[in-house]
């Protein structure tokens, strides 16, 4: 198991945002976390990446407990996050944004190889590498956010709502790129409100409600579950 989350609880003051959440991610797969707004999905992602600290429970990555590690150490261990809302650096160029993703790395040859790979994945970023990040379209900014996450050369990529605010055509393109990235061997934990899209590309999934895991299973099983159909697939 690449990532193990065991009995995880997180509080904001007296409010419990996560309650005894447990799940795992196997190396090489795409796992999706589904749920409505306020279900705890983003809190879960932020806790894995070290932005929030758990009240109880533990997070293990490659069988190493990472609960108390600072964010930079978690990144160095091999976890990179593509945050909700993109959060690129608007006043930096596309190239500078991408290189920020590699700021903890010192292997210049490897950084250049990964930059070439990102430009191959997203040719538009290569064309726009001298432009300010804030001048890009919403879809291009999402590509930039994903590219920046990849520049850390992670073993696990956390993706938080990568299709939010995008047109249906761009949503399909992002889904295709996620699958393509996964086919290189990179493990992906995907938080996504577009359940139909997420369940098409994921191997397994978990459904969250009010800070708890409500359902879990193979993606095909969840897609055929009547509760998921009515709550998330518009059946």
Protein backbone atom coordinates (compact mmCIF):
# COMPACT_ATOMS: atom_id res chain seq x y z
CA UNK A 1 0.00 0.00 0.00
CA UNK A 2 1.48 3.34 -1.06
CA UNK A 3 -0.78 5.49 1.13
CA UNK A 4 -2.66 4.39 4.26
CA UNK A 5 -5.01 6.65 6.20
CA UNK A 6 -6.12 5.12 9.49
CA UNK A 7 -8.92 6.42 11.75
CA UNK A 8 -8.19 10.02 10.81
CA UNK A 9 -10.05 12.82 12.61
CA UNK A 10 -9.52 16.55 12.08
CA UNK A 11 -11.06 19.46 13.98
CA UNK A 12 -11.46 23.16 13.26
CA UNK A 13 -11.69 24.40 16.84
CA UNK A 14 -14.68 22.46 18.20
CA UNK A 15 -16.03 21.45 14.78
CA UNK A 16 -15.07 17.96 13.63
CA UNK A 17 -14.35 18.10 9.89
CA UNK A 18 -13.20 14.47 9.53
CA UNK A 19 -14.32 11.56 11.69
CA UNK A 20 -12.41 8.26 11.79
CA UNK A 21 -11.62 8.25 8.06
CA UNK A 22 -9.73 5.19 6.83
CA UNK A 23 -8.74 4.28 3.28
CA UNK A 24 -5.77 3.22 1.19
CA UNK A 25 -4.19 3.84 -2.20
CA UNK A 26 -2.22 1.14 -4.01
CA UNK A 27 0.78 2.15 -6.09
CA UNK A 28 -0.07 2.80 -9.73
CA UNK A 29 -3.83 3.29 -9.42
CA UNK A 30 -6.22 6.21 -9.63
CA UNK A 31 -8.46 6.46 -6.57
CA UNK A 32 -11.25 9.01 -6.44
CA UNK A 33 -12.89 10.66 -3.44
CA UNK A 34 -16.46 11.76 -4.15
CA UNK A 35 -18.78 13.90 -2.10
CA UNK A 36 -20.80 17.10 -1.97
CA UNK A 37 -19.40 20.46 -0.89
CA UNK A 38 -18.64 20.38 2.82
CA UNK A 39 -18.20 16.61 2.96
CA UNK A 40 -14.55 16.91 4.01
CA UNK A 41 -12.78 16.08 0.77
CA UNK A 42 -10.48 19.12 0.64
CA UNK A 43 -9.77 18.87 4.38
CA UNK A 44 -8.67 15.29 3.78
CA UNK A 45 -6.32 16.33 0.96
CA UNK A 46 -4.87 19.19 3.01
CA UNK A 47 -4.26 16.86 5.94
CA UNK A 48 -2.41 14.35 3.78
CA UNK A 49 -0.21 17.14 2.40
CA UNK A 50 0.48 18.58 5.86
CA UNK A 51 -1.51 21.82 5.68
CA UNK A 52 -3.82 20.58 8.45
CA UNK A 53 -2.84 18.36 11.37
CA UNK A 54 -4.99 15.43 12.51
CA UNK A 55 -6.54 15.35 15.94
CA UNK A 56 -6.43 11.55 15.94
CA UNK A 57 -5.30 8.77 13.65
CA UNK A 58 -2.33 8.47 11.35
CA UNK A 59 -1.21 8.82 7.75
CA UNK A 60 1.41 6.42 6.41
CA UNK A 61 3.19 6.87 3.09
CA UNK A 62 5.40 4.04 1.86
CA UNK A 63 4.93 2.57 5.36
CA UNK A 64 6.34 5.69 7.00
CA UNK A 65 4.23 7.80 9.37
CA UNK A 66 4.09 11.34 7.99
CA UNK A 67 1.58 13.00 10.37
CA UNK A 68 4.08 15.29 12.03
CA UNK A 69 6.33 16.04 9.06
CA UNK A 70 6.50 19.64 7.79
CA UNK A 71 5.04 20.26 4.35
CA UNK A 72 8.42 20.46 2.61
CA UNK A 73 9.40 17.05 4.00
CA UNK A 74 6.13 15.54 2.80
CA UNK A 75 6.86 16.90 -0.67
CA UNK A 76 10.37 15.45 -0.48
CA UNK A 77 8.90 12.08 0.51
CA UNK A 78 7.02 12.11 -2.79
CA UNK A 79 3.59 13.72 -2.34
CA UNK A 80 2.60 16.68 -4.49
CA UNK A 81 -0.76 18.48 -4.56
CA UNK A 82 -2.61 20.23 -7.36
CA UNK A 83 -4.88 22.48 -5.28
CA UNK A 84 -8.49 23.38 -5.87
CA UNK A 85 -8.78 26.69 -7.71
CA UNK A 86 -5.36 26.20 -9.42
CA UNK A 87 -3.60 28.81 -7.23
CA UNK A 88 -0.88 29.54 -9.72
CA UNK A 89 1.43 32.52 -9.27
CA UNK A 90 -0.30 35.07 -11.49
CA UNK A 91 2.66 37.48 -11.75
CA UNK A 92 5.23 34.81 -12.55
CA UNK A 93 5.68 33.47 -16.06
CA UNK A 94 4.50 30.02 -17.05
CA UNK A 95 8.09 28.77 -16.96
CA UNK A 96 8.70 30.29 -13.53
CA UNK A 97 5.50 28.71 -12.22
CA UNK A 98 6.63 25.30 -13.45
CA UNK A 99 10.09 25.67 -11.94
CA UNK A 100 8.49 26.57 -8.59
CA UNK A 101 7.20 23.01 -8.56
CA UNK A 102 10.81 21.80 -8.57
CA UNK A 103 12.11 24.22 -5.93
CA UNK A 104 13.15 21.40 -3.55
CA UNK A 105 15.06 19.53 -6.24
CA UNK A 106 18.74 19.89 -7.11
CA UNK A 107 19.00 17.47 -10.05
CA UNK A 108 19.22 19.92 -12.93
CA UNK A 109 19.21 17.22 -15.60
CA UNK A 110 16.13 15.60 -14.10
CA UNK A 111 14.36 18.95 -13.81
CA UNK A 112 14.99 19.65 -17.49
CA UNK A 113 13.75 16.16 -18.43
CA UNK A 114 10.55 16.70 -16.46
CA UNK A 115 10.09 20.16 -17.94
CA UNK A 116 10.36 18.64 -21.42
CA UNK A 117 7.79 16.01 -20.40
CA UNK A 118 5.37 18.64 -19.11
CA UNK A 119 5.73 20.60 -22.34
CA UNK A 120 5.02 17.39 -24.27
CA UNK A 121 1.88 16.81 -22.20
CA UNK A 122 0.79 20.45 -22.49
CA UNK A 123 2.21 21.94 -25.72
CA UNK A 124 0.30 25.17 -25.11
CA UNK A 125 2.42 25.79 -21.99
CA UNK A 126 5.59 25.61 -24.04
CA UNK A 127 4.16 28.17 -26.45
CA UNK A 128 3.16 30.43 -23.57
CA UNK A 129 6.17 29.82 -21.29
CA UNK A 130 7.14 33.52 -21.33
CA UNK A 131 3.64 34.80 -20.51
CA UNK A 132 2.42 35.69 -17.05
CA UNK A 133 0.40 32.90 -15.46
CA UNK A 134 -2.51 35.23 -14.83
CA UNK A 135 -2.88 35.91 -18.56
CA UNK A 136 -3.80 32.29 -19.33
CA UNK A 137 -7.33 31.00 -19.82
CA UNK A 138 -8.95 28.91 -17.08
CA UNK A 139 -8.15 25.67 -18.87
CA UNK A 140 -4.55 26.70 -19.47
CA UNK A 141 -4.16 27.68 -15.82
CA UNK A 142 -5.39 24.23 -14.81
CA UNK A 143 -2.79 22.65 -17.09
CA UNK A 144 -0.17 24.89 -15.50
CA UNK A 145 -1.23 23.81 -12.00
CA UNK A 146 -0.98 20.15 -12.98
CA UNK A 147 2.38 20.72 -14.64
CA UNK A 148 3.70 22.47 -11.56
CA UNK A 149 2.63 19.50 -9.43
CA UNK A 150 4.40 17.10 -11.78
CA UNK A 151 7.63 19.10 -11.60
CA UNK A 152 8.12 17.88 -8.03
CA UNK A 153 8.48 14.38 -9.56
CA UNK A 154 5.99 12.90 -7.06
CA UNK A 155 5.15 9.30 -6.34
CA UNK A 156 1.62 10.33 -5.37
CA UNK A 157 -0.22 13.24 -7.01
CA UNK A 158 -3.14 14.72 -5.09
CA UNK A 159 -5.61 16.42 -7.43
CA UNK A 160 -8.34 18.55 -5.85
CA UNK A 161 -11.26 19.37 -8.19
CA UNK A 162 -9.19 19.66 -11.40
CA UNK A 163 -12.25 20.19 -13.62
CA UNK A 164 -14.06 22.84 -11.55
CA UNK A 165 -15.10 25.81 -13.67
CA UNK A 166 -14.10 24.18 -16.96
CA UNK A 167 -16.29 23.57 -19.99
CA UNK A 168 -17.47 20.00 -20.74
CA UNK A 169 -14.94 19.74 -23.58
CA UNK A 170 -12.06 20.81 -21.31
CA UNK A 171 -13.29 18.45 -18.58
CA UNK A 172 -12.94 15.54 -21.00
CA UNK A 173 -9.46 16.73 -21.97
CA UNK A 174 -8.37 16.96 -18.33
CA UNK A 175 -9.71 13.44 -17.73
CA UNK A 176 -7.75 12.15 -20.72
CA UNK A 177 -4.57 13.79 -19.44
CA UNK A 178 -5.06 12.35 -15.94
CA UNK A 179 -5.32 8.87 -17.46
CA UNK A 180 -2.26 9.52 -19.62
CA UNK A 181 -0.23 10.68 -16.61
CA UNK A 182 -1.34 7.63 -14.64
CA UNK A 183 -0.22 5.34 -17.45
CA UNK A 184 3.37 6.48 -16.80
CA UNK A 185 3.09 4.75 -13.40
CA UNK A 186 2.21 7.80 -11.30
CA UNK A 187 -0.36 7.14 -8.57
CA UNK A 188 -3.21 9.66 -8.37
CA UNK A 189 -5.66 10.49 -5.59
CA UNK A 190 -8.44 12.48 -7.23
CA UNK A 191 -11.07 14.59 -5.45
CA UNK A 192 -13.79 15.43 -7.92
CA UNK A 193 -17.42 16.61 -7.84
CA UNK A 194 -17.92 15.38 -11.40
CA UNK A 195 -18.62 11.83 -10.26
CA UNK A 196 -19.43 10.50 -13.71
CA UNK A 197 -16.06 11.62 -15.07
CA UNK A 198 -14.12 10.49 -11.98
CA UNK A 199 -15.62 7.00 -11.93
CA UNK A 200 -14.77 6.53 -15.61
CA UNK A 201 -11.04 7.00 -15.07
CA UNK A 202 -10.56 5.72 -11.50
CA UNK A 203 -10.00 2.14 -10.46
CA UNK A 204 -11.56 2.53 -7.00
CA UNK A 205 -13.51 5.16 -5.16
CA UNK A 206 -14.75 6.38 -1.80
CA UNK A 207 -17.84 8.49 -1.12
CA UNK A 208 -17.66 10.99 1.74
CA UNK A 209 -20.52 12.58 3.63
CA UNK A 210 -20.23 14.90 6.63
CA UNK A 211 -16.60 14.02 7.23
CA UNK A 212 -17.04 10.25 7.06
CA UNK A 213 -16.54 7.52 4.48
CA UNK A 214 -20.06 6.48 3.49
CA UNK A 215 -19.34 4.07 0.62
CA UNK A 216 -16.32 2.44 -0.97
CA UNK A 217 -15.63 0.01 -3.77
CA UNK A 218 -14.49 -0.52 -7.32
CA UNK A 219 -15.33 2.42 -9.56
CA UNK A 220 -17.66 0.31 -11.69
CA UNK A 221 -19.51 -0.88 -8.59
CA UNK A 222 -19.98 2.66 -7.30
CA UNK A 223 -21.18 3.83 -10.72
CA UNK A 224 -23.92 1.19 -10.55
CA UNK A 225 -24.84 1.82 -6.90
CA UNK A 226 -28.35 3.29 -6.68
CA UNK A 227 -27.34 5.69 -3.90
CA UNK A 228 -24.47 7.06 -5.99
CA UNK A 229 -26.66 7.26 -9.09
CA UNK A 230 -29.30 9.35 -7.34
CA UNK A 231 -26.91 11.54 -5.33
CA UNK A 232 -24.13 12.17 -7.87
CA UNK A 233 -24.99 10.87 -11.33
CA UNK A 234 -28.35 12.56 -11.82
CA UNK A 235 -30.34 9.32 -12.09
